[in-house]
PDB file of all heavy atoms in Angstrom:
ATOM      1  N   GLU A   1    -147.135-226.545 221.045  1.00  0.00           N
ATOM      2  CA  GLU A   1    -148.339-226.208 221.822  1.00  0.00           C
ATOM      3  C   GLU A   1    -148.981-227.470 222.393  1.00  0.00           C
ATOM      4  O   GLU A   1    -149.446-227.472 223.543  1.00  0.00           O
ATOM      5  CB  GLU A   1    -149.326-225.452 220.934  1.00  0.00           C
ATOM      6  CG  GLU A   1    -148.855-224.041 220.582  1.00  0.00           C
ATOM      7  CD  GLU A   1    -149.786-223.326 219.621  1.00  0.00           C
ATOM      8  OE1 GLU A   1    -150.698-223.999 219.066  1.00  0.00           O
ATOM      9  OE2 GLU A   1    -149.609-222.109 219.414  1.00  0.00           O
ATOM     10  N   TYR A   2    -149.015-228.540 221.610  1.00  0.00           N
ATOM     11  CA  TYR A   2    -149.556-229.810 222.112  1.00  0.00           C
ATOM     12  C   TYR A   2    -148.757-230.277 223.320  1.00  0.00           C
ATOM     13  O   TYR A   2    -149.327-230.693 224.343  1.00  0.00           O
ATOM     14  CB  TYR A   2    -149.526-230.876 221.017  1.00  0.00           C
ATOM     15  CG  TYR A   2    -149.990-232.234 221.505  1.00  0.00           C
ATOM     16  CD1 TYR A   2    -151.323-232.615 221.391  1.00  0.00           C
ATOM     17  CD2 TYR A   2    -149.102-233.127 222.121  1.00  0.00           C
ATOM     18  CE1 TYR A   2    -151.755-233.848 221.870  1.00  0.00           C
ATOM     19  CE2 TYR A   2    -149.523-234.351 222.598  1.00  0.00           C
ATOM     20  CZ  TYR A   2    -150.850-234.711 222.473  1.00  0.00           C
ATOM     21  OH  TYR A   2    -151.287-235.920 222.964  1.00  0.00           O
ATOM     22  N   ALA A   3    -147.433-230.242 223.209  1.00  0.00           N
ATOM     23  CA  ALA A   3    -146.580-230.709 224.309  1.00  0.00           C
ATOM     24  C   ALA A   3    -146.817-229.869 225.569  1.00  0.00           C
ATOM     25  O   ALA A   3    -146.875-230.403 226.680  1.00  0.00           O
ATOM     26  CB  ALA A   3    -145.114-230.653 223.896  1.00  0.00           C
ATOM     27  N   LYS A   4    -146.945-228.567 225.399  1.00  0.00           N
ATOM     28  CA  LYS A   4    -147.209-227.704 226.559  1.00  0.00           C
ATOM     29  C   LYS A   4    -148.548-228.037 227.201  1.00  0.00           C
ATOM     30  O   LYS A   4    -148.651-228.150 228.436  1.00  0.00           O
ATOM     31  CB  LYS A   4    -147.192-226.235 226.124  1.00  0.00           C
ATOM     32  CG  LYS A   4    -145.808-225.667 225.867  1.00  0.00           C
ATOM     33  CD  LYS A   4    -145.916-224.178 225.585  1.00  0.00           C
ATOM     34  CE  LYS A   4    -144.555-223.532 225.468  1.00  0.00           C
ATOM     35  NZ  LYS A   4    -144.652-222.067 225.262  1.00  0.00           N
ATOM     36  N   ASN A   5    -149.550-228.211 226.388  1.00  0.00           N
ATOM     37  CA  ASN A   5    -150.902-228.458 226.913  1.00  0.00           C
ATOM     38  C   ASN A   5    -151.027-229.816 227.589  1.00  0.00           C
ATOM     39  O   ASN A   5    -151.888-230.006 228.451  1.00  0.00           O
ATOM     40  CB  ASN A   5    -151.927-228.349 225.784  1.00  0.00           C
ATOM     41  CG  ASN A   5    -152.072-226.932 225.266  1.00  0.00           C
ATOM     42  OD1 ASN A   5    -151.784-225.961 225.966  1.00  0.00           O
ATOM     43  ND2 ASN A   5    -152.516-226.790 224.021  1.00  0.00           N
ATOM     44  N   ASN A   6    -150.169-230.768 227.200  1.00  0.00           N
ATOM     45  CA  ASN A   6    -150.273-232.128 227.737  1.00  0.00           C
ATOM     46  C   ASN A   6    -149.114-232.511 228.651  1.00  0.00           C
ATOM     47  O   ASN A   6    -148.992-233.675 229.021  1.00  0.00           O
ATOM     48  CB  ASN A   6    -150.362-233.122 226.573  1.00  0.00           C
ATOM     49  CG  ASN A   6    -151.675-233.049 225.830  1.00  0.00           C
ATOM     50  OD1 ASN A   6    -152.650-233.699 226.205  1.00  0.00           O
ATOM     51  ND2 ASN A   6    -151.716-232.258 224.766  1.00  0.00           N
ATOM     52  N   LYS A   7    -148.272-231.525 229.005  1.00  0.00           N
ATOM     53  CA  LYS A   7    -147.081-231.789 229.810  1.00  0.00           C
ATOM     54  C   LYS A   7    -146.271-232.939 229.207  1.00  0.00           C
ATOM     55  O   LYS A   7    -145.788-233.832 229.910  1.00  0.00           O
ATOM     56  CB  LYS A   7    -147.464-232.102 231.264  1.00  0.00           C
ATOM     57  CG  LYS A   7    -148.016-230.901 232.018  1.00  0.00           C
ATOM     58  CD  LYS A   7    -148.241-231.227 233.483  1.00  0.00           C
ATOM     59  CE  LYS A   7    -148.696-229.987 234.254  1.00  0.00           C
ATOM     60  NZ  LYS A   7    -148.929-230.284 235.694  1.00  0.00           N
ATOM     61  N   ALA A   8    -146.156-232.911 227.897  1.00  0.00           N
ATOM     62  CA  ALA A   8    -145.422-233.930 227.155  1.00  0.00           C
ATOM     63  C   ALA A   8    -144.034-233.407 226.805  1.00  0.00           C
ATOM     64  O   ALA A   8    -143.730-232.222 226.975  1.00  0.00           O
ATOM     65  CB  ALA A   8    -146.186-234.312 225.898  1.00  0.00           C
ATOM     66  N   LEU A   9    -143.196-234.305 226.306  1.00  0.00           N
ATOM     67  CA  LEU A   9    -141.853-233.932 225.871  1.00  0.00           C
ATOM     68  C   LEU A   9    -141.647-234.391 224.436  1.00  0.00           C
ATOM     69  O   LEU A   9    -142.019-235.504 224.068  1.00  0.00           O
ATOM     70  CB  LEU A   9    -140.785-234.585 226.765  1.00  0.00           C
ATOM     71  CG  LEU A   9    -139.335-234.239 226.387  1.00  0.00           C
ATOM     72  CD1 LEU A   9    -138.998-232.809 226.793  1.00  0.00           C
ATOM     73  CD2 LEU A   9    -138.348-235.215 227.027  1.00  0.00           C
ATOM     74  N   ILE A  10    -141.030-233.529 223.625  1.00  0.00           N
ATOM     75  CA  ILE A  10    -140.679-233.861 222.248  1.00  0.00           C
ATOM     76  C   ILE A  10    -139.198-234.213 222.180  1.00  0.00           C
ATOM     77  O   ILE A  10    -138.356-233.465 222.677  1.00  0.00           O
ATOM     78  CB  ILE A  10    -140.962-232.671 221.306  1.00  0.00           C
ATOM     79  CG1 ILE A  10    -142.453-232.322 221.301  1.00  0.00           C
ATOM     80  CG2 ILE A  10    -140.474-232.973 219.890  1.00  0.00           C
ATOM     81  CD1 ILE A  10    -142.760-230.996 220.630  1.00  0.00           C
ATOM     82  N   LEU A  11    -138.879-235.354 221.595  1.00  0.00           N
ATOM     83  CA  LEU A  11    -137.500-235.694 221.267  1.00  0.00           C
ATOM     84  C   LEU A  11    -137.341-235.408 219.781  1.00  0.00           C
ATOM     85  O   LEU A  11    -137.881-236.136 218.937  1.00  0.00           O
ATOM     86  CB  LEU A  11    -137.205-237.161 221.587  1.00  0.00           C
ATOM     87  CG  LEU A  11    -137.315-237.557 223.063  1.00  0.00           C
ATOM     88  CD1 LEU A  11    -136.894-239.016 223.262  1.00  0.00           C
ATOM     89  CD2 LEU A  11    -136.479-236.648 223.958  1.00  0.00           C
ATOM     90  N   PHE A  12    -136.615-234.351 219.464  1.00  0.00           N
ATOM     91  CA  PHE A  12    -136.550-233.828 218.100  1.00  0.00           C
ATOM     92  C   PHE A  12    -135.207-234.172 217.471  1.00  0.00           C
ATOM     93  O   PHE A  12    -134.160-233.674 217.877  1.00  0.00           O
ATOM     94  CB  PHE A  12    -136.749-232.310 218.113  1.00  0.00           C
ATOM     95  CG  PHE A  12    -136.924-231.706 216.747  1.00  0.00           C
ATOM     96  CD1 PHE A  12    -138.139-231.812 216.079  1.00  0.00           C
ATOM     97  CD2 PHE A  12    -135.887-231.022 216.131  1.00  0.00           C
ATOM     98  CE1 PHE A  12    -138.313-231.256 214.825  1.00  0.00           C
ATOM     99  CE2 PHE A  12    -136.052-230.466 214.875  1.00  0.00           C
ATOM    100  CZ  PHE A  12    -137.265-230.579 214.215  1.00  0.00           C
ATOM    101  N   ASP A  13    -135.239-235.049 216.472  1.00  0.00           N
ATOM    102  CA  ASP A  13    -134.040-235.490 215.768  1.00  0.00           C
ATOM    103  C   ASP A  13    -133.789-234.548 214.594  1.00  0.00           C
ATOM    104  O   ASP A  13    -134.526-234.561 213.606  1.00  0.00           O
ATOM    105  CB  ASP A  13    -134.254-236.925 215.286  1.00  0.00           C
ATOM    106  CG  ASP A  13    -132.991-237.536 214.691  1.00  0.00           C
ATOM    107  OD1 ASP A  13    -132.064-236.777 214.338  1.00  0.00           O
ATOM    108  OD2 ASP A  13    -132.947-238.779 214.558  1.00  0.00           O
ATOM    109  N   ALA A  14    -132.736-233.741 214.717  1.00  0.00           N
ATOM    110  CA  ALA A  14    -132.387-232.768 213.679  1.00  0.00           C
ATOM    111  C   ALA A  14    -131.048-233.115 213.039  1.00  0.00           C
ATOM    112  O   ALA A  14    -130.276-232.231 212.658  1.00  0.00           O
ATOM    113  CB  ALA A  14    -132.357-231.360 214.268  1.00  0.00           C
ATOM    114  N   ALA A  15    -130.772-234.405 212.886  1.00  0.00           N
ATOM    115  CA  ALA A  15    -129.474-234.840 212.361  1.00  0.00           C
ATOM    116  C   ALA A  15    -129.205-234.331 210.953  1.00  0.00           C
ATOM    117  O   ALA A  15    -128.050-234.222 210.540  1.00  0.00           O
ATOM    118  CB  ALA A  15    -129.398-236.367 212.385  1.00  0.00           C
ATOM    119  N   TYR A  16    -130.269-233.991 210.210  1.00  0.00           N
ATOM    120  CA  TYR A  16    -130.098-233.575 208.812  1.00  0.00           C
ATOM    121  C   TYR A  16    -130.382-232.089 208.598  1.00  0.00           C
ATOM    122  O   TYR A  16    -130.609-231.656 207.473  1.00  0.00           O
ATOM    123  CB  TYR A  16    -131.003-234.433 207.916  1.00  0.00           C
ATOM    124  CG  TYR A  16    -130.664-235.894 208.015  1.00  0.00           C
ATOM    125  CD1 TYR A  16    -131.306-236.724 208.927  1.00  0.00           C
ATOM    126  CD2 TYR A  16    -129.654-236.447 207.230  1.00  0.00           C
ATOM    127  CE1 TYR A  16    -130.964-238.060 209.051  1.00  0.00           C
ATOM    128  CE2 TYR A  16    -129.304-237.787 207.350  1.00  0.00           C
ATOM    129  CZ  TYR A  16    -129.961-238.583 208.255  1.00  0.00           C
ATOM    130  OH  TYR A  16    -129.613-239.910 208.377  1.00  0.00           O
ATOM    131  N   GLU A  17    -130.339-231.309 209.670  1.00  0.00           N
ATOM    132  CA  GLU A  17    -130.704-229.892 209.570  1.00  0.00           C
ATOM    133  C   GLU A  17    -129.805-229.120 208.608  1.00  0.00           C
ATOM    134  O   GLU A  17    -130.247-228.143 207.994  1.00  0.00           O
ATOM    135  CB  GLU A  17    -130.685-229.235 210.950  1.00  0.00           C
ATOM    136  CG  GLU A  17    -129.382-229.350 211.730  1.00  0.00           C
ATOM    137  CD  GLU A  17    -128.327-228.361 211.301  1.00  0.00           C
ATOM    138  OE1 GLU A  17    -128.697-227.269 210.806  1.00  0.00           O
ATOM    139  OE2 GLU A  17    -127.125-228.683 211.429  1.00  0.00           O
ATOM    140  N   ALA A  18    -128.555-229.522 208.437  1.00  0.00           N
ATOM    141  CA  ALA A  18    -127.635-228.789 207.572  1.00  0.00           C
ATOM    142  C   ALA A  18    -128.078-228.799 206.118  1.00  0.00           C
ATOM    143  O   ALA A  18    -127.642-227.949 205.329  1.00  0.00           O
ATOM    144  CB  ALA A  18    -126.231-229.378 207.686  1.00  0.00           C
ATOM    145  N   PHE A  19    -128.954-229.735 205.756  1.00  0.00           N
ATOM    146  CA  PHE A  19    -129.403-229.834 204.376  1.00  0.00           C
ATOM    147  C   PHE A  19    -130.575-228.904 204.067  1.00  0.00           C
ATOM    148  O   PHE A  19    -130.991-228.795 202.910  1.00  0.00           O
ATOM    149  CB  PHE A  19    -129.762-231.286 204.049  1.00  0.00           C
ATOM    150  CG  PHE A  19    -128.557-232.185 204.066  1.00  0.00           C
ATOM    151  CD1 PHE A  19    -128.126-232.776 205.245  1.00  0.00           C
ATOM    152  CD2 PHE A  19    -127.827-232.404 202.911  1.00  0.00           C
ATOM    153  CE1 PHE A  19    -126.995-233.581 205.270  1.00  0.00           C
ATOM    154  CE2 PHE A  19    -126.694-233.207 202.927  1.00  0.00           C
ATOM    155  CZ  PHE A  19    -126.275-233.800 204.111  1.00  0.00           C
ATOM    156  N   VAL A  20    -131.097-228.248 205.080  1.00  0.00           N
ATOM    157  CA  VAL A  20    -132.178-227.281 204.864  1.00  0.00           C
ATOM    158  C   VAL A  20    -131.588-226.022 204.241  1.00  0.00           C
ATOM    159  O   VAL A  20    -130.805-225.312 204.867  1.00  0.00           O
ATOM    160  CB  VAL A  20    -132.908-226.950 206.184  1.00  0.00           C
ATOM    161  CG1 VAL A  20    -133.927-225.835 205.948  1.00  0.00           C
ATOM    162  CG2 VAL A  20    -133.591-228.193 206.744  1.00  0.00           C
ATOM    163  N   GLN A  21    -131.964-225.750 203.008  1.00  0.00           N
ATOM    164  CA  GLN A  21    -131.477-224.580 202.290  1.00  0.00           C
ATOM    165  C   GLN A  21    -132.518-223.476 202.205  1.00  0.00           C
ATOM    166  O   GLN A  21    -132.186-222.317 201.959  1.00  0.00           O
ATOM    167  CB  GLN A  21    -131.054-224.987 200.876  1.00  0.00           C
ATOM    168  CG  GLN A  21    -130.015-226.097 200.833  1.00  0.00           C
ATOM    169  CD  GLN A  21    -128.705-225.716 201.493  1.00  0.00           C
ATOM    170  OE1 GLN A  21    -128.018-224.808 201.030  1.00  0.00           O
ATOM    171  NE2 GLN A  21    -128.355-226.394 202.585  1.00  0.00           N
ATOM    172  N   ASP A  22    -133.782-223.833 202.381  1.00  0.00           N
ATOM    173  CA  ASP A  22    -134.880-222.866 202.342  1.00  0.00           C
ATOM    174  C   ASP A  22    -134.937-222.140 203.685  1.00  0.00           C
ATOM    175  O   ASP A  22    -135.255-222.736 204.715  1.00  0.00           O
ATOM    176  CB  ASP A  22    -136.192-223.602 202.072  1.00  0.00           C
ATOM    177  CG  ASP A  22    -137.377-222.666 201.846  1.00  0.00           C
ATOM    178  OD1 ASP A  22    -137.289-221.486 202.259  1.00  0.00           O
ATOM    179  OD2 ASP A  22    -138.386-223.124 201.286  1.00  0.00           O
ATOM    180  N   GLU A  23    -134.620-220.861 203.688  1.00  0.00           N
ATOM    181  CA  GLU A  23    -134.555-220.099 204.934  1.00  0.00           C
ATOM    182  C   GLU A  23    -135.912-219.944 205.611  1.00  0.00           C
ATOM    183  O   GLU A  23    -135.996-219.536 206.767  1.00  0.00           O
ATOM    184  CB  GLU A  23    -133.944-218.718 204.667  1.00  0.00           C
ATOM    185  CG  GLU A  23    -132.429-218.732 204.525  1.00  0.00           C
ATOM    186  CD  GLU A  23    -131.727-219.245 205.777  1.00  0.00           C
ATOM    187  OE1 GLU A  23    -132.178-218.911 206.897  1.00  0.00           O
ATOM    188  OE2 GLU A  23    -130.742-219.986 205.640  1.00  0.00           O
ATOM    189  N   ARG A  24    -136.979-220.266 204.908  1.00  0.00           N
ATOM    190  CA  ARG A  24    -138.312-220.207 205.534  1.00  0.00           C
ATOM    191  C   ARG A  24    -138.547-221.404 206.455  1.00  0.00           C
ATOM    192  O   ARG A  24    -139.460-221.376 207.282  1.00  0.00           O
ATOM    193  CB  ARG A  24    -139.396-220.163 204.450  1.00  0.00           C
ATOM    194  CG  ARG A  24    -139.364-218.915 203.580  1.00  0.00           C
ATOM    195  CD  ARG A  24    -140.302-219.052 202.398  1.00  0.00           C
ATOM    196  NE  ARG A  24    -139.894-220.163 201.525  1.00  0.00           N
ATOM    197  CZ  ARG A  24    -140.562-220.534 200.431  1.00  0.00           C
ATOM    198  NH1 ARG A  24    -141.672-219.894 200.086  1.00  0.00           N
ATOM    199  NH2 ARG A  24    -140.122-221.550 199.700  1.00  0.00           N
ATOM    200  N   LEU A  25    -137.732-222.457 206.291  1.00  0.00           N
ATOM    201  CA  LEU A  25    -137.896-223.662 207.092  1.00  0.00           C
ATOM    202  C   LEU A  25    -137.007-223.611 208.323  1.00  0.00           C
ATOM    203  O   LEU A  25    -135.875-223.144 208.263  1.00  0.00           O
ATOM    204  CB  LEU A  25    -137.538-224.900 206.263  1.00  0.00           C
ATOM    205  CG  LEU A  25    -138.429-225.195 205.051  1.00  0.00           C
ATOM    206  CD1 LEU A  25    -137.847-226.344 204.246  1.00  0.00           C
ATOM    207  CD2 LEU A  25    -139.854-225.521 205.488  1.00  0.00           C
ATOM    208  N   PRO A  26    -137.490-224.107 209.462  1.00  0.00           N
ATOM    209  CA  PRO A  26    -136.663-224.132 210.677  1.00  0.00           C
ATOM    210  C   PRO A  26    -135.594-225.198 210.598  1.00  0.00           C
ATOM    211  O   PRO A  26    -135.810-226.274 210.027  1.00  0.00           O
ATOM    212  CB  PRO A  26    -137.679-224.448 211.778  1.00  0.00           C
ATOM    213  CG  PRO A  26    -138.751-225.237 211.078  1.00  0.00           C
ATOM    214  CD  PRO A  26    -138.839-224.663 209.693  1.00  0.00           C
ATOM    215  N   ARG A  27    -134.429-224.911 211.158  1.00  0.00           N
ATOM    216  CA  ARG A  27    -133.366-225.907 211.257  1.00  0.00           C
ATOM    217  C   ARG A  27    -133.265-226.447 212.682  1.00  0.00           C
ATOM    218  O   ARG A  27    -132.520-227.393 212.940  1.00  0.00           O
ATOM    219  CB  ARG A  27    -132.044-225.308 210.810  1.00  0.00           C
ATOM    220  CG  ARG A  27    -132.055-224.997 209.323  1.00  0.00           C
ATOM    221  CD  ARG A  27    -130.820-224.286 208.831  1.00  0.00           C
ATOM    222  NE  ARG A  27    -129.616-225.109 208.939  1.00  0.00           N
ATOM    223  CZ  ARG A  27    -128.462-224.794 208.364  1.00  0.00           C
ATOM    224  NH1 ARG A  27    -128.360-223.683 207.635  1.00  0.00           N
ATOM    225  NH2 ARG A  27    -127.407-225.564 208.506  1.00  0.00           N
ATOM    226  N   SER A  28    -133.981-225.828 213.593  1.00  0.00           N
ATOM    227  CA  SER A  28    -134.020-226.271 214.983  1.00  0.00           C
ATOM    228  C   SER A  28    -135.424-226.063 215.521  1.00  0.00           C
ATOM    229  O   SER A  28    -136.105-225.090 215.154  1.00  0.00           O
ATOM    230  CB  SER A  28    -133.034-225.465 215.837  1.00  0.00           C
ATOM    231  OG  SER A  28    -133.259-225.698 217.217  1.00  0.00           O
ATOM    232  N   ILE A  29    -135.854-226.945 216.408  1.00  0.00           N
ATOM    233  CA  ILE A  29    -137.169-226.755 217.025  1.00  0.00           C
ATOM    234  C   ILE A  29    -137.160-225.548 217.948  1.00  0.00           C
ATOM    235  O   ILE A  29    -138.203-224.960 218.240  1.00  0.00           O
ATOM    236  CB  ILE A  29    -137.625-228.026 217.777  1.00  0.00           C
ATOM    237  CG1 ILE A  29    -139.147-227.960 218.028  1.00  0.00           C
ATOM    238  CG2 ILE A  29    -136.821-228.225 219.069  1.00  0.00           C
ATOM    239  CD1 ILE A  29    -139.748-229.262 218.486  1.00  0.00           C
ATOM    240  N   TYR A  30    -135.947-225.105 218.362  1.00  0.00           N
ATOM    241  CA  TYR A  30    -135.866-223.958 219.256  1.00  0.00           C
ATOM    242  C   TYR A  30    -136.105-222.636 218.537  1.00  0.00           C
ATOM    243  O   TYR A  30    -136.125-221.574 219.175  1.00  0.00           O
ATOM    244  CB  TYR A  30    -134.524-223.955 219.993  1.00  0.00           C
ATOM    245  CG  TYR A  30    -134.310-225.229 220.778  1.00  0.00           C
ATOM    246  CD1 TYR A  30    -133.215-226.056 220.534  1.00  0.00           C
ATOM    247  CD2 TYR A  30    -135.231-225.637 221.746  1.00  0.00           C
ATOM    248  CE1 TYR A  30    -133.034-227.233 221.229  1.00  0.00           C
ATOM    249  CE2 TYR A  30    -135.057-226.821 222.448  1.00  0.00           C
ATOM    250  CZ  TYR A  30    -133.957-227.617 222.182  1.00  0.00           C
ATOM    251  OH  TYR A  30    -133.788-228.791 222.866  1.00  0.00           O
ATOM    252  N   GLU A  31    -136.314-222.694 217.235  1.00  0.00           N
ATOM    253  CA  GLU A  31    -136.764-221.511 216.514  1.00  0.00           C
ATOM    254  C   GLU A  31    -138.243-221.241 216.778  1.00  0.00           C
ATOM    255  O   GLU A  31    -138.756-220.191 216.394  1.00  0.00           O
ATOM    256  CB  GLU A  31    -136.499-221.672 215.013  1.00  0.00           C
ATOM    257  CG  GLU A  31    -135.020-221.711 214.661  1.00  0.00           C
ATOM    258  CD  GLU A  31    -134.764-221.904 213.174  1.00  0.00           C
ATOM    259  OE1 GLU A  31    -135.477-221.257 212.375  1.00  0.00           O
ATOM    260  OE2 GLU A  31    -133.868-222.685 212.818  1.00  0.00           O
ATOM    261  N   ILE A  32    -138.906-222.193 217.425  1.00  0.00           N
ATOM    262  CA  ILE A  32    -140.311-222.034 217.804  1.00  0.00           C
ATOM    263  C   ILE A  32    -140.379-221.534 219.241  1.00  0.00           C
ATOM    264  O   ILE A  32    -139.770-222.113 220.150  1.00  0.00           O
ATOM    265  CB  ILE A  32    -141.068-223.383 217.694  1.00  0.00           C
ATOM    266  CG1 ILE A  32    -140.796-224.051 216.335  1.00  0.00           C
ATOM    267  CG2 ILE A  32    -142.544-223.163 217.942  1.00  0.00           C
ATOM    268  CD1 ILE A  32    -141.118-223.205 215.137  1.00  0.00           C
ATOM    269  N   GLU A  33    -141.096-220.474 219.460  1.00  0.00           N
ATOM    270  CA  GLU A  33    -141.189-219.872 220.796  1.00  0.00           C
ATOM    271  C   GLU A  33    -141.695-220.895 221.814  1.00  0.00           C
ATOM    272  O   GLU A  33    -142.688-221.578 221.588  1.00  0.00           O
ATOM    273  CB  GLU A  33    -142.125-218.668 220.762  1.00  0.00           C
ATOM    274  CG  GLU A  33    -142.219-217.925 222.080  1.00  0.00           C
ATOM    275  CD  GLU A  33    -143.119-216.703 222.026  1.00  0.00           C
ATOM    276  OE1 GLU A  33    -143.656-216.414 220.931  1.00  0.00           O
ATOM    277  OE2 GLU A  33    -143.284-216.038 223.073  1.00  0.00           O
ATOM    278  N   GLY A  34    -141.001-220.995 222.925  1.00  0.00           N
ATOM    279  CA  GLY A  34    -141.406-221.880 224.011  1.00  0.00           C
ATOM    280  C   GLY A  34    -140.929-223.306 223.883  1.00  0.00           C
ATOM    281  O   GLY A  34    -141.131-224.117 224.800  1.00  0.00           O
ATOM    282  N   ALA A  35    -140.275-223.648 222.773  1.00  0.00           N
ATOM    283  CA  ALA A  35    -139.856-225.045 222.568  1.00  0.00           C
ATOM    284  C   ALA A  35    -138.827-225.488 223.605  1.00  0.00           C
ATOM    285  O   ALA A  35    -138.746-226.681 223.925  1.00  0.00           O
ATOM    286  CB  ALA A  35    -139.299-225.232 221.161  1.00  0.00           C
TER     287      ALA A  35
END
C-alpha cells in the first residue's frame, strides 16, 4: 500500500522462501493483492 501511494517500487528478495514451513506466512510478495 505504501508503494502504491508513493509510486514507489519494492525489490523483494525471496531467496529463502523455500524454508517457510508455516502456511500462514507468505512465500511470495505476489500473495498480496496488487503487489
